[in-house]
Amino acid sequence: MAPTAGLVIINTGEGKGKTTAALGVAVRAAGLGKKVLIRQFIKGGWVPGEVKAAPAFGNLWDWKALGDGFLKADASEEEKAQHRADTRAAFAAVREEIRTTDAAVVILDEILYCVKYGLVDEAEVLACIAEKRADLHLILTGRGATPGLIAAADLVTEMHAIKHPYKKGIPAQPGIEF
């Protein structure tokens, strides 16, 4: 059997399903007995179903929510600076985890938003990609993947919204969006 080539995978775009697709890989890896680190940036103040399901995977899933949640559009400059500092500190800790983990898959959920909003520098994420173990699969999710990150990836999928229930006034549904 050939050695594993650790892929860099990006799930991006305006459509729904970026995190869901990454978690599908996490389920598949855990099903094969492989350890997965899931680090979420920019998620809201609720506990989504996938977090509640994580204990079912035992020690194969290591899940942490990081940073300060959503960055509000009307945040003050002081709030934005604090958000940026907290996110950068969280990302620095994640980079160290990636350098030392024995996991097969690491998911950086919503990290692309962090780059898009200037909370983490693209150069830092590119350095993280460059220093990962050769057999480690790294999945980055979020809207607005930069050309540099796309170039560094092995697989890029853009989710494109054709139709969404929000347009009909249907709110987020438990088990579907969270």
C-alpha atoms as a PDB file:
ATOM      1  CA  MET A   1       0.000   0.000   0.000  1.00  0.00           C
ATOM      2  CA  ALA A   2       1.318   3.436  -0.949  1.00  0.00           C
ATOM      3  CA  PRO A   3       2.076   5.917   1.850  1.00  0.00           C
ATOM      4  CA  THR A   4      -0.568   8.524   2.612  1.00  0.00           C
ATOM      5  CA  ALA A   5      -0.080  11.853   0.886  1.00  0.00           C
ATOM      6  CA  GLY A   6      -1.500  14.467   3.242  1.00  0.00           C
ATOM      7  CA  LEU A   7      -3.841  16.664   1.277  1.00  0.00           C
ATOM      8  CA  VAL A   8      -4.726  20.301   1.800  1.00  0.00           C
ATOM      9  CA  ILE A   9      -8.451  20.616   1.160  1.00  0.00           C
ATOM     10  CA  ILE A  10     -10.443  23.843   0.929  1.00  0.00           C
ATOM     11  CA  ASN A  11     -14.237  24.014   1.146  1.00  0.00           C
ATOM     12  CA  THR A  12     -15.256  27.557   0.242  1.00  0.00           C
ATOM     13  CA  GLY A  13     -18.007  29.546  -1.437  1.00  0.00           C
ATOM     14  CA  GLU A  14     -21.261  31.311  -0.641  1.00  0.00           C
ATOM     15  CA  GLY A  15     -23.301  28.111  -0.478  1.00  0.00           C
ATOM     16  CA  LYS A  16     -24.123  25.899   2.487  1.00  0.00           C
ATOM     17  CA  GLY A  17     -22.205  22.725   3.233  1.00  0.00           C
ATOM     18  CA  LYS A  18     -18.570  23.676   3.807  1.00  0.00           C
ATOM     19  CA  THR A  19     -18.412  22.511   7.418  1.00  0.00           C
ATOM     20  CA  THR A  20     -20.776  19.634   6.706  1.00  0.00           C
ATOM     21  CA  ALA A  21     -18.446  18.312   3.995  1.00  0.00           C
ATOM     22  CA  ALA A  22     -15.428  18.598   6.299  1.00  0.00           C
ATOM     23  CA  LEU A  23     -17.289  16.732   9.036  1.00  0.00           C
ATOM     24  CA  GLY A  24     -18.128  14.000   6.534  1.00  0.00           C
ATOM     25  CA  VAL A  25     -14.393  13.455   6.134  1.00  0.00           C
ATOM     26  CA  ALA A  26     -14.031  13.454   9.932  1.00  0.00           C
ATOM     27  CA  VAL A  27     -16.685  10.740  10.256  1.00  0.00           C
ATOM     28  CA  ARG A  28     -15.026   8.692   7.518  1.00  0.00           C
ATOM     29  CA  ALA A  29     -11.587   9.007   9.146  1.00  0.00           C
ATOM     30  CA  ALA A  30     -12.932   8.112  12.603  1.00  0.00           C
ATOM     31  CA  GLY A  31     -14.715   5.138  11.070  1.00  0.00           C
ATOM     32  CA  LEU A  32     -11.305   3.906   9.974  1.00  0.00           C
ATOM     33  CA  GLY A  33      -9.887   4.442  13.463  1.00  0.00           C
ATOM     34  CA  LYS A  34      -8.035   7.641  12.584  1.00  0.00           C
ATOM     35  CA  LYS A  35      -7.803  10.593  14.970  1.00  0.00           C
ATOM     36  CA  VAL A  36      -9.248  13.960  13.913  1.00  0.00           C
ATOM     37  CA  LEU A  37      -8.655  17.431  15.376  1.00  0.00           C
ATOM     38  CA  ILE A  38     -11.495  19.873  14.751  1.00  0.00           C
ATOM     39  CA  ARG A  39     -10.846  23.512  15.550  1.00  0.00           C
ATOM     40  CA  GLN A  40     -13.701  25.935  14.967  1.00  0.00           C
ATOM     41  CA  PHE A  41     -13.208  29.661  14.530  1.00  0.00           C
ATOM     42  CA  ILE A  42     -15.993  32.288  14.259  1.00  0.00           C
ATOM     43  CA  LYS A  43     -18.907  30.081  15.277  1.00  0.00           C
ATOM     44  CA  GLY A  44     -21.804  31.514  17.245  1.00  0.00           C
ATOM     45  CA  GLY A  45     -22.752  31.139  20.877  1.00  0.00           C
ATOM     46  CA  TRP A  46     -24.759  27.917  20.517  1.00  0.00           C
ATOM     47  CA  VAL A  47     -23.789  24.264  20.796  1.00  0.00           C
ATOM     48  CA  PRO A  48     -24.388  22.655  17.392  1.00  0.00           C
ATOM     49  CA  GLY A  49     -25.415  19.033  16.929  1.00  0.00           C
ATOM     50  CA  GLU A  50     -21.981  17.974  15.733  1.00  0.00           C
ATOM     51  CA  VAL A  51     -20.439  19.053  19.042  1.00  0.00           C
ATOM     52  CA  LYS A  52     -23.074  17.058  20.899  1.00  0.00           C
ATOM     53  CA  ALA A  53     -22.287  14.026  18.699  1.00  0.00           C
ATOM     54  CA  ALA A  54     -18.504  14.272  19.185  1.00  0.00           C
ATOM     55  CA  PRO A  55     -18.415  12.100  22.349  1.00  0.00           C
ATOM     56  CA  ALA A  56     -19.759   9.203  20.280  1.00  0.00           C
ATOM     57  CA  PHE A  57     -16.384   9.131  18.518  1.00  0.00           C
ATOM     58  CA  GLY A  58     -14.513   8.747  21.806  1.00  0.00           C
ATOM     59  CA  ASN A  59     -10.898   9.799  21.706  1.00  0.00           C
ATOM     60  CA  LEU A  60     -10.853   9.858  17.880  1.00  0.00           C
ATOM     61  CA  TRP A  61     -12.399  13.361  17.764  1.00  0.00           C
ATOM     62  CA  ASP A  62     -10.691  16.239  19.536  1.00  0.00           C
ATOM     63  CA  TRP A  63     -12.971  19.266  19.193  1.00  0.00           C
ATOM     64  CA  LYS A  64     -12.461  22.847  20.353  1.00  0.00           C
ATOM     65  CA  ALA A  65     -14.243  26.094  19.561  1.00  0.00           C
ATOM     66  CA  LEU A  66     -11.770  28.981  19.502  1.00  0.00           C
ATOM     67  CA  GLY A  67     -11.781  32.739  19.315  1.00  0.00           C
ATOM     68  CA  ASP A  68     -14.694  35.030  20.125  1.00  0.00           C
ATOM     69  CA  GLY A  69     -17.435  33.764  17.827  1.00  0.00           C
ATOM     70  CA  PHE A  70     -18.949  35.969  15.146  1.00  0.00           C
ATOM     71  CA  LEU A  71     -17.393  39.346  14.432  1.00  0.00           C
ATOM     72  CA  LYS A  72     -20.287  41.774  14.303  1.00  0.00           C
ATOM     73  CA  ALA A  73     -20.320  44.239  11.426  1.00  0.00           C
ATOM     74  CA  ASP A  74     -20.981  47.105  13.824  1.00  0.00           C
ATOM     75  CA  ALA A  75     -18.248  46.103  16.292  1.00  0.00           C
ATOM     76  CA  SER A  76     -16.214  48.941  17.750  1.00  0.00           C
ATOM     77  CA  GLU A  77     -12.538  49.286  16.894  1.00  0.00           C
ATOM     78  CA  GLU A  78     -11.717  48.078  20.413  1.00  0.00           C
ATOM     79  CA  GLU A  79     -13.915  44.980  19.952  1.00  0.00           C
ATOM     80  CA  LYS A  80     -12.326  44.279  16.563  1.00  0.00           C
ATOM     81  CA  ALA A  81      -8.823  44.591  18.035  1.00  0.00           C
ATOM     82  CA  GLN A  82      -9.707  42.210  20.878  1.00  0.00           C
ATOM     83  CA  HIS A  83     -11.272  39.751  18.421  1.00  0.00           C
ATOM     84  CA  ARG A  84      -8.140  39.909  16.257  1.00  0.00           C
ATOM     85  CA  ALA A  85      -5.812  39.356  19.225  1.00  0.00           C
ATOM     86  CA  ASP A  86      -7.847  36.413  20.539  1.00  0.00           C
ATOM     87  CA  THR A  87      -8.091  34.788  17.108  1.00  0.00           C
ATOM     88  CA  ARG A  88      -4.374  35.183  16.434  1.00  0.00           C
ATOM     89  CA  ALA A  89      -3.538  33.641  19.809  1.00  0.00           C
ATOM     90  CA  ALA A  90      -5.905  30.757  19.113  1.00  0.00           C
ATOM     91  CA  PHE A  91      -4.398  30.208  15.658  1.00  0.00           C
ATOM     92  CA  ALA A  92      -0.865  30.239  17.080  1.00  0.00           C
ATOM     93  CA  ALA A  93      -1.895  27.475  19.493  1.00  0.00           C
ATOM     94  CA  VAL A  94      -3.469  25.512  16.631  1.00  0.00           C
ATOM     95  CA  ARG A  95      -0.281  25.810  14.556  1.00  0.00           C
ATOM     96  CA  GLU A  96       1.643  24.261  17.432  1.00  0.00           C
ATOM     97  CA  GLU A  97      -0.924  21.464  17.654  1.00  0.00           C
ATOM     98  CA  ILE A  98      -0.559  20.806  13.927  1.00  0.00           C
ATOM     99  CA  ARG A  99       3.229  20.581  14.311  1.00  0.00           C
ATOM    100  CA  THR A 100       2.932  17.994  17.089  1.00  0.00           C
ATOM    101  CA  THR A 101      -0.313  16.071  16.568  1.00  0.00           C
ATOM    102  CA  ASP A 102      -0.565  12.397  15.736  1.00  0.00           C
ATOM    103  CA  ALA A 103      -4.000  13.009  14.163  1.00  0.00           C
ATOM    104  CA  ALA A 104      -4.608  11.964  10.570  1.00  0.00           C
ATOM    105  CA  VAL A 105      -6.950  14.876   9.806  1.00  0.00           C
ATOM    106  CA  VAL A 106      -7.100  18.459  11.089  1.00  0.00           C
ATOM    107  CA  ILE A 107     -10.097  20.637  10.276  1.00  0.00           C
ATOM    108  CA  LEU A 108      -9.759  24.409  10.615  1.00  0.00           C
ATOM    109  CA  ASP A 109     -13.425  25.325  10.375  1.00  0.00           C
ATOM    110  CA  GLU A 110     -14.120  28.924   9.293  1.00  0.00           C
ATOM    111  CA  ILE A 111     -10.410  29.791   9.158  1.00  0.00           C
ATOM    112  CA  LEU A 112     -10.981  31.305   5.715  1.00  0.00           C
ATOM    113  CA  TYR A 113     -13.297  33.895   7.292  1.00  0.00           C
ATOM    114  CA  CYS A 114     -10.494  34.728   9.698  1.00  0.00           C
ATOM    115  CA  VAL A 115      -8.206  35.474   6.769  1.00  0.00           C
ATOM    116  CA  LYS A 116     -10.927  37.361   4.884  1.00  0.00           C
ATOM    117  CA  TYR A 117     -11.614  39.638   7.875  1.00  0.00           C
ATOM    118  CA  GLY A 118      -7.949  40.171   8.739  1.00  0.00           C
ATOM    119  CA  LEU A 119      -8.093  38.245  12.017  1.00  0.00           C
ATOM    120  CA  VAL A 120      -5.311  35.926  10.820  1.00  0.00           C
ATOM    121  CA  ASP A 121      -2.798  36.733   8.082  1.00  0.00           C
ATOM    122  CA  GLU A 122      -2.850  34.646   4.927  1.00  0.00           C
ATOM    123  CA  ALA A 123       0.940  34.270   5.289  1.00  0.00           C
ATOM    124  CA  GLU A 124       0.448  32.587   8.683  1.00  0.00           C
ATOM    125  CA  VAL A 125      -1.997  30.059   7.221  1.00  0.00           C
ATOM    126  CA  LEU A 126       0.342  29.393   4.293  1.00  0.00           C
ATOM    127  CA  ALA A 127       3.197  28.818   6.760  1.00  0.00           C
ATOM    128  CA  CYS A 128       0.978  26.414   8.707  1.00  0.00           C
ATOM    129  CA  ILE A 129       0.312  24.474   5.505  1.00  0.00           C
ATOM    130  CA  ALA A 130       4.023  24.383   4.681  1.00  0.00           C
ATOM    131  CA  GLU A 131       5.025  23.066   8.097  1.00  0.00           C
ATOM    132  CA  LYS A 132       2.395  20.338   8.459  1.00  0.00           C
ATOM    133  CA  ARG A 133       3.437  16.691   8.470  1.00  0.00           C
ATOM    134  CA  ALA A 134       3.625  15.184   4.975  1.00  0.00           C
ATOM    135  CA  ASP A 135       0.885  12.623   5.711  1.00  0.00           C
ATOM    136  CA  LEU A 136      -1.491  14.979   7.563  1.00  0.00           C
ATOM    137  CA  HIS A 137      -4.726  15.937   5.814  1.00  0.00           C
ATOM    138  CA  LEU A 138      -5.601  19.583   6.505  1.00  0.00           C
ATOM    139  CA  ILE A 139      -9.093  20.904   5.730  1.00  0.00           C
ATOM    140  CA  LEU A 140      -9.809  24.649   5.664  1.00  0.00           C
ATOM    141  CA  THR A 141     -13.381  25.931   5.483  1.00  0.00           C
ATOM    142  CA  GLY A 142     -15.140  29.265   5.097  1.00  0.00           C
ATOM    143  CA  ARG A 143     -16.113  31.825   2.517  1.00  0.00           C
ATOM    144  CA  GLY A 144     -13.614  33.825   0.532  1.00  0.00           C
ATOM    145  CA  ALA A 145     -10.622  31.548  -0.007  1.00  0.00           C
ATOM    146  CA  THR A 146      -7.754  33.715  -1.224  1.00  0.00           C
ATOM    147  CA  PRO A 147      -5.891  32.974  -4.464  1.00  0.00           C
ATOM    148  CA  GLY A 148      -2.762  32.149  -2.430  1.00  0.00           C
ATOM    149  CA  LEU A 149      -4.553  29.570  -0.305  1.00  0.00           C
ATOM    150  CA  ILE A 150      -6.260  28.096  -3.354  1.00  0.00           C
ATOM    151  CA  ALA A 151      -2.847  27.730  -5.014  1.00  0.00           C
ATOM    152  CA  ALA A 152      -1.467  25.962  -1.923  1.00  0.00           C
ATOM    153  CA  ALA A 153      -4.351  23.471  -1.774  1.00  0.00           C
ATOM    154  CA  ASP A 154      -4.580  20.074  -3.430  1.00  0.00           C
ATOM    155  CA  LEU A 155      -8.383  20.040  -3.585  1.00  0.00           C
ATOM    156  CA  VAL A 156     -10.691  23.057  -3.652  1.00  0.00           C
ATOM    157  CA  THR A 157     -14.469  22.808  -3.690  1.00  0.00           C
ATOM    158  CA  GLU A 158     -16.631  25.878  -4.046  1.00  0.00           C
ATOM    159  CA  MET A 159     -20.133  25.566  -2.616  1.00  0.00           C
ATOM    160  CA  HIS A 160     -22.515  27.581  -4.770  1.00  0.00           C
ATOM    161  CA  ALA A 161     -25.983  28.445  -3.461  1.00  0.00           C
ATOM    162  CA  ILE A 162     -28.663  27.923  -6.070  1.00  0.00           C
ATOM    163  CA  LYS A 163     -31.600  28.001  -3.685  1.00  0.00           C
ATOM    164  CA  HIS A 164     -31.752  28.488   0.087  1.00  0.00           C
ATOM    165  CA  PRO A 165     -34.697  28.306   2.526  1.00  0.00           C
ATOM    166  CA  TYR A 166     -33.636  31.619   4.155  1.00  0.00           C
ATOM    167  CA  LYS A 167     -34.911  33.329   0.997  1.00  0.00           C
ATOM    168  CA  LYS A 168     -38.397  32.009   1.863  1.00  0.00           C
ATOM    169  CA  GLY A 169     -38.093  33.154   5.478  1.00  0.00           C
ATOM    170  CA  ILE A 170     -37.416  29.655   6.816  1.00  0.00           C
ATOM    171  CA  PRO A 171     -35.019  29.908   9.777  1.00  0.00           C
ATOM    172  CA  ALA A 172     -32.004  27.660  10.390  1.00  0.00           C
ATOM    173  CA  GLN A 173     -33.146  24.136  11.147  1.00  0.00           C
ATOM    174  CA  PRO A 174     -31.784  21.952  13.975  1.00  0.00           C
ATOM    175  CA  GLY A 175     -29.927  19.007  12.506  1.00  0.00           C
ATOM    176  CA  ILE A 176     -29.450  20.778   9.191  1.00  0.00           C
ATOM    177  CA  GLU A 177     -27.691  24.085   9.901  1.00  0.00           C
ATOM    178  CA  PHE A 178     -26.660  23.414  13.496  1.00  0.00           C
END
